[in-house]
């Protein structure tokens, strides 16, 4: 189980049959995650970018608790100096909770069993499965700009990247990104006495 708490991981949907085992392994990984000086090679996660983002993430954590989600691990600050937050994992989350609907952009995971994805954002998604048919079926059902199957954060300059829904419009990378630099112009000229008119 490879996990990254430093990037945006707002929602992780897990198949019900493996949910308990996945949850246990995920908590073990989170507790072993080292938070500290980002220049130290032994550290997995550095501080938040500034106090505003630090406070914003903490407010989401408090919101999750108030709305009835369960904190499996984390949820607190680290140390007395700097903007460090423990890797935080929520379970017993409902789709209408703020932590499930919003993009937090911090070390906060929302863990849920398979359900319909009604989120208002759709930048990226990841599917982990041993079944190619499942990967194809699920990837066609998810409304997101990029979907990674059995990988995550795999970027390529030829692969368009951009969001659906509230995650924006337009694409970066690939030929599709050229459209934002182009303007289409239509020129209509009547040809009088043409045999085709």
C-alpha atoms as a PDB file:
ATOM      1  CA  UNK A   1       0.000   0.000   0.000  1.00  0.00           C
ATOM      2  CA  UNK A   2       1.647   3.211  -1.208  1.00  0.00           C
ATOM      3  CA  UNK A   3       0.204   6.369   0.299  1.00  0.00           C
ATOM      4  CA  UNK A   4       0.929  10.077  -0.106  1.00  0.00           C
ATOM      5  CA  UNK A   5      -0.500  12.454   2.498  1.00  0.00           C
ATOM      6  CA  UNK A   6       1.214  15.558   1.122  1.00  0.00           C
ATOM      7  CA  UNK A   7      -0.894  15.834  -2.009  1.00  0.00           C
ATOM      8  CA  UNK A   8      -4.611  16.281  -2.307  1.00  0.00           C
ATOM      9  CA  UNK A   9      -6.434  13.035  -1.432  1.00  0.00           C
ATOM     10  CA  UNK A  10      -9.904  14.245  -0.541  1.00  0.00           C
ATOM     11  CA  UNK A  11     -11.856  11.018  -1.010  1.00  0.00           C
ATOM     12  CA  UNK A  12     -10.817   7.394  -1.163  1.00  0.00           C
ATOM     13  CA  UNK A  13     -13.578   4.959  -2.088  1.00  0.00           C
ATOM     14  CA  UNK A  14     -12.844   1.375  -1.082  1.00  0.00           C
ATOM     15  CA  UNK A  15     -14.717  -1.751  -2.121  1.00  0.00           C
ATOM     16  CA  UNK A  16     -16.734  -2.993   0.853  1.00  0.00           C
ATOM     17  CA  UNK A  17     -15.166  -6.483   0.799  1.00  0.00           C
ATOM     18  CA  UNK A  18     -11.643  -5.153   1.467  1.00  0.00           C
ATOM     19  CA  UNK A  19     -12.558  -2.011   3.403  1.00  0.00           C
ATOM     20  CA  UNK A  20     -11.600  -3.198   6.914  1.00  0.00           C
ATOM     21  CA  UNK A  21      -8.208  -4.561   5.845  1.00  0.00           C
ATOM     22  CA  UNK A  22      -7.493  -1.434   3.782  1.00  0.00           C
ATOM     23  CA  UNK A  23      -8.440   0.843   6.675  1.00  0.00           C
ATOM     24  CA  UNK A  24      -6.113  -1.021   9.058  1.00  0.00           C
ATOM     25  CA  UNK A  25      -3.135  -0.812   6.670  1.00  0.00           C
ATOM     26  CA  UNK A  26      -3.816   2.835   5.903  1.00  0.00           C
ATOM     27  CA  UNK A  27      -3.808   3.777   9.599  1.00  0.00           C
ATOM     28  CA  UNK A  28      -0.507   1.905  10.070  1.00  0.00           C
ATOM     29  CA  UNK A  29       1.025   3.879   7.193  1.00  0.00           C
ATOM     30  CA  UNK A  30      -0.284   7.188   8.553  1.00  0.00           C
ATOM     31  CA  UNK A  31       1.127   6.535  12.027  1.00  0.00           C
ATOM     32  CA  UNK A  32       4.532   5.742  10.521  1.00  0.00           C
ATOM     33  CA  UNK A  33       4.465   8.893   8.345  1.00  0.00           C
ATOM     34  CA  UNK A  34       7.232  11.311   9.424  1.00  0.00           C
ATOM     35  CA  UNK A  35       6.282  14.989   9.621  1.00  0.00           C
ATOM     36  CA  UNK A  36       9.021  17.599   9.893  1.00  0.00           C
ATOM     37  CA  UNK A  37      11.756  19.487   8.067  1.00  0.00           C
ATOM     38  CA  UNK A  38      11.191  18.903   4.326  1.00  0.00           C
ATOM     39  CA  UNK A  39      14.965  19.059   3.717  1.00  0.00           C
ATOM     40  CA  UNK A  40      15.515  16.016   5.927  1.00  0.00           C
ATOM     41  CA  UNK A  41      15.534  12.890   3.678  1.00  0.00           C
ATOM     42  CA  UNK A  42      13.863  10.852   6.454  1.00  0.00           C
ATOM     43  CA  UNK A  43      10.819  13.163   6.468  1.00  0.00           C
ATOM     44  CA  UNK A  44       7.709  12.330   4.417  1.00  0.00           C
ATOM     45  CA  UNK A  45       5.736  15.546   4.916  1.00  0.00           C
ATOM     46  CA  UNK A  46       6.696  19.155   5.482  1.00  0.00           C
ATOM     47  CA  UNK A  47       4.653  22.109   6.752  1.00  0.00           C
ATOM     48  CA  UNK A  48       1.675  23.802   5.130  1.00  0.00           C
ATOM     49  CA  UNK A  49       2.508  26.741   2.886  1.00  0.00           C
ATOM     50  CA  UNK A  50       1.305  29.469   5.273  1.00  0.00           C
ATOM     51  CA  UNK A  51      -0.853  30.168   8.335  1.00  0.00           C
ATOM     52  CA  UNK A  52      -3.954  30.783   6.225  1.00  0.00           C
ATOM     53  CA  UNK A  53      -3.796  27.296   4.703  1.00  0.00           C
ATOM     54  CA  UNK A  54      -2.814  25.792   8.063  1.00  0.00           C
ATOM     55  CA  UNK A  55      -5.900  27.309   9.716  1.00  0.00           C
ATOM     56  CA  UNK A  56      -8.085  26.343   6.760  1.00  0.00           C
ATOM     57  CA  UNK A  57      -7.094  22.672   7.034  1.00  0.00           C
ATOM     58  CA  UNK A  58      -7.629  22.658  10.802  1.00  0.00           C
ATOM     59  CA  UNK A  59     -11.098  24.164  10.300  1.00  0.00           C
ATOM     60  CA  UNK A  60     -11.967  21.307   7.912  1.00  0.00           C
ATOM     61  CA  UNK A  61     -10.784  18.790  10.499  1.00  0.00           C
ATOM     62  CA  UNK A  62     -13.014  20.424  13.139  1.00  0.00           C
ATOM     63  CA  UNK A  63     -15.909  20.493  10.680  1.00  0.00           C
ATOM     64  CA  UNK A  64     -15.526  16.759  10.036  1.00  0.00           C
ATOM     65  CA  UNK A  65     -15.646  16.037  13.769  1.00  0.00           C
ATOM     66  CA  UNK A  66     -18.690  18.286  14.333  1.00  0.00           C
ATOM     67  CA  UNK A  67     -20.587  16.669  11.448  1.00  0.00           C
ATOM     68  CA  UNK A  68     -20.076  13.220  12.984  1.00  0.00           C
ATOM     69  CA  UNK A  69     -17.166  11.736  11.033  1.00  0.00           C
ATOM     70  CA  UNK A  70     -14.698   9.572  12.974  1.00  0.00           C
ATOM     71  CA  UNK A  71     -10.999  10.467  13.107  1.00  0.00           C
ATOM     72  CA  UNK A  72      -9.071   7.215  12.702  1.00  0.00           C
ATOM     73  CA  UNK A  73      -5.717   8.909  13.216  1.00  0.00           C
ATOM     74  CA  UNK A  74      -4.221  12.398  13.232  1.00  0.00           C
ATOM     75  CA  UNK A  75      -6.232  15.566  13.409  1.00  0.00           C
ATOM     76  CA  UNK A  76      -3.755  17.549  15.505  1.00  0.00           C
ATOM     77  CA  UNK A  77      -0.906  19.968  14.944  1.00  0.00           C
ATOM     78  CA  UNK A  78       2.707  18.815  15.253  1.00  0.00           C
ATOM     79  CA  UNK A  79       5.140  20.742  17.450  1.00  0.00           C
ATOM     80  CA  UNK A  80       4.959  24.299  18.738  1.00  0.00           C
ATOM     81  CA  UNK A  81       6.651  25.987  15.777  1.00  0.00           C
ATOM     82  CA  UNK A  82       5.676  25.957  12.107  1.00  0.00           C
ATOM     83  CA  UNK A  83       2.531  24.903  10.259  1.00  0.00           C
ATOM     84  CA  UNK A  84       2.689  21.137  10.675  1.00  0.00           C
ATOM     85  CA  UNK A  85      -0.416  18.937  10.755  1.00  0.00           C
ATOM     86  CA  UNK A  86      -0.580  15.208  11.409  1.00  0.00           C
ATOM     87  CA  UNK A  87      -1.759  13.006   8.534  1.00  0.00           C
ATOM     88  CA  UNK A  88      -5.472  12.750   9.252  1.00  0.00           C
ATOM     89  CA  UNK A  89      -7.881  10.017   8.178  1.00  0.00           C
ATOM     90  CA  UNK A  90     -11.652  10.249   8.548  1.00  0.00           C
ATOM     91  CA  UNK A  91     -14.142   7.382   8.320  1.00  0.00           C
ATOM     92  CA  UNK A  92     -17.931   7.171   8.798  1.00  0.00           C
ATOM     93  CA  UNK A  93     -18.216  10.047   6.361  1.00  0.00           C
ATOM     94  CA  UNK A  94     -21.414  10.935   4.516  1.00  0.00           C
ATOM     95  CA  UNK A  95     -21.401  12.440   1.019  1.00  0.00           C
ATOM     96  CA  UNK A  96     -23.047  15.670   2.199  1.00  0.00           C
ATOM     97  CA  UNK A  97     -20.351  16.436   4.806  1.00  0.00           C
ATOM     98  CA  UNK A  98     -18.085  19.374   4.029  1.00  0.00           C
ATOM     99  CA  UNK A  99     -14.926  17.235   4.207  1.00  0.00           C
ATOM    100  CA  UNK A 100     -16.387  14.943   1.524  1.00  0.00           C
ATOM    101  CA  UNK A 101     -17.579  17.748  -0.759  1.00  0.00           C
ATOM    102  CA  UNK A 102     -14.690  20.229  -0.675  1.00  0.00           C
ATOM    103  CA  UNK A 103     -11.103  19.997  -1.854  1.00  0.00           C
ATOM    104  CA  UNK A 104      -9.014  20.434   1.281  1.00  0.00           C
ATOM    105  CA  UNK A 105      -5.503  20.463  -0.238  1.00  0.00           C
ATOM    106  CA  UNK A 106      -3.808  19.171   2.868  1.00  0.00           C
ATOM    107  CA  UNK A 107      -2.908  15.981   4.751  1.00  0.00           C
ATOM    108  CA  UNK A 108      -6.534  14.921   5.230  1.00  0.00           C
ATOM    109  CA  UNK A 109      -8.082  11.741   3.808  1.00  0.00           C
ATOM    110  CA  UNK A 110     -11.743  10.866   3.681  1.00  0.00           C
ATOM    111  CA  UNK A 111     -12.224   7.099   3.568  1.00  0.00           C
ATOM    112  CA  UNK A 112     -15.562   5.733   2.336  1.00  0.00           C
ATOM    113  CA  UNK A 113     -17.012   2.488   1.075  1.00  0.00           C
ATOM    114  CA  UNK A 114     -18.129   2.365  -2.554  1.00  0.00           C
ATOM    115  CA  UNK A 115     -20.962   4.753  -3.261  1.00  0.00           C
ATOM    116  CA  UNK A 116     -21.989   7.127  -6.030  1.00  0.00           C
ATOM    117  CA  UNK A 117     -19.558   9.988  -6.529  1.00  0.00           C
ATOM    118  CA  UNK A 118     -21.689  13.114  -6.212  1.00  0.00           C
ATOM    119  CA  UNK A 119     -18.832  15.511  -5.493  1.00  0.00           C
ATOM    120  CA  UNK A 120     -18.901  18.931  -7.094  1.00  0.00           C
ATOM    121  CA  UNK A 121     -15.244  18.669  -8.067  1.00  0.00           C
ATOM    122  CA  UNK A 122     -13.698  16.473 -10.708  1.00  0.00           C
ATOM    123  CA  UNK A 123     -10.003  17.151 -11.225  1.00  0.00           C
ATOM    124  CA  UNK A 124      -8.511  13.678 -10.879  1.00  0.00           C
ATOM    125  CA  UNK A 125      -9.293  10.169  -9.669  1.00  0.00           C
ATOM    126  CA  UNK A 126      -7.421   6.929  -9.125  1.00  0.00           C
ATOM    127  CA  UNK A 127      -8.624   3.346  -9.478  1.00  0.00           C
ATOM    128  CA  UNK A 128      -6.769   0.426  -7.917  1.00  0.00           C
ATOM    129  CA  UNK A 129      -7.952  -2.985  -9.081  1.00  0.00           C
ATOM    130  CA  UNK A 130      -6.732  -6.309 -10.479  1.00  0.00           C
ATOM    131  CA  UNK A 131      -9.664  -6.450 -12.896  1.00  0.00           C
ATOM    132  CA  UNK A 132      -9.267  -4.573 -16.185  1.00  0.00           C
ATOM    133  CA  UNK A 133     -13.025  -4.686 -16.813  1.00  0.00           C
ATOM    134  CA  UNK A 134     -13.629  -3.012 -13.457  1.00  0.00           C
ATOM    135  CA  UNK A 135     -11.036  -0.328 -14.252  1.00  0.00           C
ATOM    136  CA  UNK A 136     -12.677   0.382 -17.634  1.00  0.00           C
ATOM    137  CA  UNK A 137     -16.220   0.414 -16.244  1.00  0.00           C
ATOM    138  CA  UNK A 138     -15.400   2.651 -13.287  1.00  0.00           C
ATOM    139  CA  UNK A 139     -13.222   5.033 -15.337  1.00  0.00           C
ATOM    140  CA  UNK A 140     -16.119   5.604 -17.756  1.00  0.00           C
ATOM    141  CA  UNK A 141     -18.462   6.345 -14.846  1.00  0.00           C
ATOM    142  CA  UNK A 142     -16.275   8.879 -13.011  1.00  0.00           C
ATOM    143  CA  UNK A 143     -16.559  12.512 -14.068  1.00  0.00           C
ATOM    144  CA  UNK A 144     -12.966  13.677 -13.684  1.00  0.00           C
ATOM    145  CA  UNK A 145     -10.419  15.225 -16.012  1.00  0.00           C
ATOM    146  CA  UNK A 146      -7.835  12.494 -15.550  1.00  0.00           C
ATOM    147  CA  UNK A 147      -8.201   9.014 -14.147  1.00  0.00           C
ATOM    148  CA  UNK A 148      -5.206   6.919 -13.145  1.00  0.00           C
ATOM    149  CA  UNK A 149      -5.602   3.149 -13.142  1.00  0.00           C
ATOM    150  CA  UNK A 150      -3.241   1.314 -10.759  1.00  0.00           C
ATOM    151  CA  UNK A 151      -1.058   4.418 -10.390  1.00  0.00           C
ATOM    152  CA  UNK A 152      -1.423   7.981  -9.158  1.00  0.00           C
ATOM    153  CA  UNK A 153       0.092  11.336 -10.099  1.00  0.00           C
ATOM    154  CA  UNK A 154       1.499   9.889 -13.334  1.00  0.00           C
ATOM    155  CA  UNK A 155       1.901  12.895 -15.636  1.00  0.00           C
ATOM    156  CA  UNK A 156       3.077  13.150 -19.207  1.00  0.00           C
ATOM    157  CA  UNK A 157       3.414  16.217 -21.437  1.00  0.00           C
ATOM    158  CA  UNK A 158       1.272  14.548 -24.108  1.00  0.00           C
ATOM    159  CA  UNK A 159      -1.559  13.654 -21.715  1.00  0.00           C
ATOM    160  CA  UNK A 160      -4.151  16.449 -21.298  1.00  0.00           C
ATOM    161  CA  UNK A 161      -4.744  17.491 -17.685  1.00  0.00           C
ATOM    162  CA  UNK A 162      -7.684  19.534 -16.391  1.00  0.00           C
ATOM    163  CA  UNK A 163     -10.918  19.285 -14.457  1.00  0.00           C
ATOM    164  CA  UNK A 164     -14.633  18.661 -14.752  1.00  0.00           C
ATOM    165  CA  UNK A 165     -17.429  20.356 -12.826  1.00  0.00           C
ATOM    166  CA  UNK A 166     -16.149  22.890 -10.248  1.00  0.00           C
ATOM    167  CA  UNK A 167     -12.528  21.873 -10.876  1.00  0.00           C
ATOM    168  CA  UNK A 168     -12.341  24.214 -13.838  1.00  0.00           C
ATOM    169  CA  UNK A 169     -12.317  23.963 -17.577  1.00  0.00           C
ATOM    170  CA  UNK A 170      -9.706  23.780 -20.294  1.00  0.00           C
ATOM    171  CA  UNK A 171      -6.682  21.505 -20.423  1.00  0.00           C
ATOM    172  CA  UNK A 172      -2.957  21.756 -19.889  1.00  0.00           C
ATOM    173  CA  UNK A 173      -0.517  19.520 -21.773  1.00  0.00           C
ATOM    174  CA  UNK A 174      -1.175  17.622 -24.986  1.00  0.00           C
ATOM    175  CA  UNK A 175      -2.729  18.950 -28.172  1.00  0.00           C
ATOM    176  CA  UNK A 176      -5.905  19.931 -26.323  1.00  0.00           C
ATOM    177  CA  UNK A 177      -3.968  22.616 -24.426  1.00  0.00           C
ATOM    178  CA  UNK A 178      -3.299  24.490 -27.677  1.00  0.00           C
ATOM    179  CA  UNK A 179      -6.970  25.452 -28.014  1.00  0.00           C
ATOM    180  CA  UNK A 180      -6.728  28.090 -25.267  1.00  0.00           C
ATOM    181  CA  UNK A 181      -4.054  29.874 -27.312  1.00  0.00           C
ATOM    182  CA  UNK A 182      -6.045  29.868 -30.542  1.00  0.00           C
ATOM    183  CA  UNK A 183      -8.962  31.959 -31.735  1.00  0.00           C
ATOM    184  CA  UNK A 184     -11.370  30.666 -34.325  1.00  0.00           C
ATOM    185  CA  UNK A 185     -12.453  33.183 -36.923  1.00  0.00           C
ATOM    186  CA  UNK A 186     -15.184  32.653 -39.472  1.00  0.00           C
ATOM    187  CA  UNK A 187     -15.079  34.666 -42.680  1.00  0.00           C
ATOM    188  CA  UNK A 188     -18.228  34.530 -44.792  1.00  0.00           C
ATOM    189  CA  UNK A 189     -18.152  35.994 -48.293  1.00  0.00           C
ATOM    190  CA  UNK A 190     -21.099  35.724 -50.650  1.00  0.00           C
ATOM    191  CA  UNK A 191     -20.191  34.710 -54.174  1.00  0.00           C
ATOM    192  CA  UNK A 192     -22.758  36.277 -56.472  1.00  0.00           C
ATOM    193  CA  UNK A 193     -23.702  34.535 -59.711  1.00  0.00           C
ATOM    194  CA  UNK A 194     -22.129  31.290 -58.479  1.00  0.00           C
ATOM    195  CA  UNK A 195     -23.496  28.100 -60.039  1.00  0.00           C
ATOM    196  CA  UNK A 196     -23.458  26.515 -56.531  1.00  0.00           C
ATOM    197  CA  UNK A 197     -25.836  29.055 -54.958  1.00  0.00           C
END
